């Protein structure tokens, strides 16, 4: 009975988070399209580039960063050799993130103006800030 109940709650929470993730994506699309004042034509070209970049970044984060984060959690236990490898992985991860960002910017130059690229950076910052604020306020309730 306990296992069935646990499975039920796990499935419900997974479904809840999937729905919440979809809502966030929809809000992001609406927010960025509005903040950047994207025309229909621009939006049709922008979103595939944006989503492709987000997928690349998320794959990097889920793979490389997850390993780094796990080892950081037990840094006190690592030998100097393991710590050196961790540092190499950490700098490599950040180099790769920068490379992805620069590639993304180059792709965006063919889709939107430099001004809108910088407006995107501002919109990303503001969107994440609002999302964090909303999360914190929900957590306090």
Protein backbone atom coordinates (compact mmCIF):
# COMPACT_ATOMS: atom_id res chain seq x y z
CA UNK A 1 0.00 0.00 0.00
CA UNK A 2 2.80 2.42 0.94
CA UNK A 3 4.60 1.68 -2.33
CA UNK A 4 1.44 2.33 -4.32
CA UNK A 5 0.88 5.60 -2.49
CA UNK A 6 4.49 6.64 -3.00
CA UNK A 7 4.27 5.81 -6.70
CA UNK A 8 1.06 7.83 -6.98
CA UNK A 9 2.68 10.90 -5.38
CA UNK A 10 5.79 10.50 -7.54
CA UNK A 11 3.70 10.37 -10.71
CA UNK A 12 1.61 13.35 -9.61
CA UNK A 13 4.68 15.42 -8.76
CA UNK A 14 6.33 14.51 -12.09
CA UNK A 15 3.16 15.52 -13.91
CA UNK A 16 2.96 18.74 -11.88
CA UNK A 17 6.55 19.69 -12.67
CA UNK A 18 6.07 18.85 -16.36
CA UNK A 19 3.00 21.11 -16.45
CA UNK A 20 4.87 23.83 -14.57
CA UNK A 21 7.79 23.53 -17.00
CA UNK A 22 5.42 23.93 -19.96
CA UNK A 23 3.82 26.98 -18.32
CA UNK A 24 7.24 28.54 -17.81
CA UNK A 25 8.13 27.90 -21.46
CA UNK A 26 4.88 29.52 -22.60
CA UNK A 27 5.46 32.53 -20.34
CA UNK A 28 9.03 32.84 -21.62
CA UNK A 29 7.89 32.81 -25.25
CA UNK A 30 5.28 35.44 -24.56
CA UNK A 31 7.62 37.59 -22.45
CA UNK A 32 10.58 37.50 -24.85
CA UNK A 33 8.42 38.06 -27.92
CA UNK A 34 6.89 41.10 -26.24
CA UNK A 35 10.13 42.49 -24.74
CA UNK A 36 12.01 42.12 -28.02
CA UNK A 37 9.04 43.34 -30.02
CA UNK A 38 9.53 40.45 -32.45
CA UNK A 39 7.59 40.54 -35.67
CA UNK A 40 5.92 37.31 -36.78
CA UNK A 41 8.73 36.75 -39.27
CA UNK A 42 11.43 37.39 -36.66
CA UNK A 43 9.71 35.12 -34.12
CA UNK A 44 9.52 32.29 -36.68
CA UNK A 45 13.28 32.50 -37.22
CA UNK A 46 14.24 33.38 -33.63
CA UNK A 47 12.63 30.56 -31.66
CA UNK A 48 14.28 27.64 -33.47
CA UNK A 49 17.70 29.27 -32.92
CA UNK A 50 16.89 30.04 -29.28
CA UNK A 51 15.55 26.54 -28.58
CA UNK A 52 18.49 24.83 -30.28
CA UNK A 53 20.87 26.86 -28.10
CA UNK A 54 18.86 26.10 -24.95
CA UNK A 55 18.97 22.38 -25.76
CA UNK A 56 22.77 22.48 -26.22
CA UNK A 57 23.21 24.34 -22.94
CA UNK A 58 20.85 22.01 -21.05
CA UNK A 59 22.67 18.94 -22.37
CA UNK A 60 25.97 20.41 -21.17
CA UNK A 61 24.45 21.32 -17.82
CA UNK A 62 22.81 17.94 -17.31
CA UNK A 63 25.99 16.06 -18.20
CA UNK A 64 29.17 17.91 -17.37
CA UNK A 65 27.82 20.26 -14.70
CA UNK A 66 26.01 17.44 -12.89
CA UNK A 67 29.34 15.61 -12.54
CA UNK A 68 31.12 18.75 -11.33
CA UNK A 69 28.36 19.52 -8.84
CA UNK A 70 28.45 15.99 -7.46
CA UNK A 71 32.21 16.18 -6.89
CA UNK A 72 31.94 19.66 -5.36
CA UNK A 73 29.53 18.18 -2.83
CA UNK A 74 32.31 15.97 -1.54
CA UNK A 75 35.32 18.22 -2.18
CA UNK A 76 36.76 17.58 1.28
CA UNK A 77 37.14 13.90 0.38
CA UNK A 78 38.93 14.43 -2.94
CA UNK A 79 42.66 13.94 -3.35
CA UNK A 80 44.80 16.69 -4.88
CA UNK A 81 44.81 14.78 -8.16
CA UNK A 82 41.00 14.47 -8.15
CA UNK A 83 40.70 18.14 -7.20
CA UNK A 84 42.96 19.10 -10.08
CA UNK A 85 40.77 17.08 -12.48
CA UNK A 86 37.70 18.78 -11.02
CA UNK A 87 39.26 22.19 -11.61
CA UNK A 88 40.10 21.25 -15.21
CA UNK A 89 36.55 20.03 -15.78
CA UNK A 90 35.17 23.20 -14.21
CA UNK A 91 37.20 25.53 -16.44
CA UNK A 92 36.45 23.38 -19.48
CA UNK A 93 32.73 23.56 -18.67
CA UNK A 94 32.85 27.34 -18.49
CA UNK A 95 34.87 27.54 -21.72
CA UNK A 96 32.24 25.38 -23.44
CA UNK A 97 29.41 27.56 -22.11
CA UNK A 98 31.17 30.64 -23.47
CA UNK A 99 31.73 28.94 -26.82
CA UNK A 100 28.03 28.01 -27.00
CA UNK A 101 27.04 31.58 -26.12
CA UNK A 102 29.30 33.07 -28.80
CA UNK A 103 27.95 30.63 -31.40
CA UNK A 104 24.42 31.55 -30.35
CA UNK A 105 25.14 35.26 -30.78
CA UNK A 106 26.59 34.65 -34.24
CA UNK A 107 23.47 32.72 -35.24
CA UNK A 108 21.23 35.45 -33.83
CA UNK A 109 22.97 38.12 -35.93
CA UNK A 110 21.31 36.56 -38.98
CA UNK A 111 17.90 36.71 -37.30
CA UNK A 112 17.61 39.87 -35.19
CA UNK A 113 19.51 43.13 -34.81
CA UNK A 114 22.41 43.63 -32.38
CA UNK A 115 20.14 45.86 -30.30
CA UNK A 116 17.57 43.07 -30.00
CA UNK A 117 20.32 40.60 -29.10
CA UNK A 118 21.25 42.81 -26.16
CA UNK A 119 17.55 43.30 -25.35
CA UNK A 120 17.34 39.48 -25.21
CA UNK A 121 20.13 39.39 -22.64
CA UNK A 122 18.23 41.93 -20.54
CA UNK A 123 14.95 40.04 -21.02
CA UNK A 124 16.58 36.75 -19.95
CA UNK A 125 17.95 38.40 -16.82
CA UNK A 126 14.62 40.06 -15.96
CA UNK A 127 12.60 36.90 -16.68
CA UNK A 128 14.83 34.77 -14.45
CA UNK A 129 14.72 37.42 -11.74
CA UNK A 130 10.89 37.49 -11.84
CA UNK A 131 10.74 33.70 -11.86
CA UNK A 132 13.02 33.48 -8.82
CA UNK A 133 11.00 36.15 -7.01
CA UNK A 134 7.76 34.25 -7.74
CA UNK A 135 9.35 30.99 -6.57
CA UNK A 136 10.51 32.59 -3.33
CA UNK A 137 7.07 34.10 -2.67
CA UNK A 138 5.40 30.70 -3.27
CA UNK A 139 7.88 29.07 -0.92
CA UNK A 140 7.06 31.57 1.84
CA UNK A 141 3.30 30.89 1.57
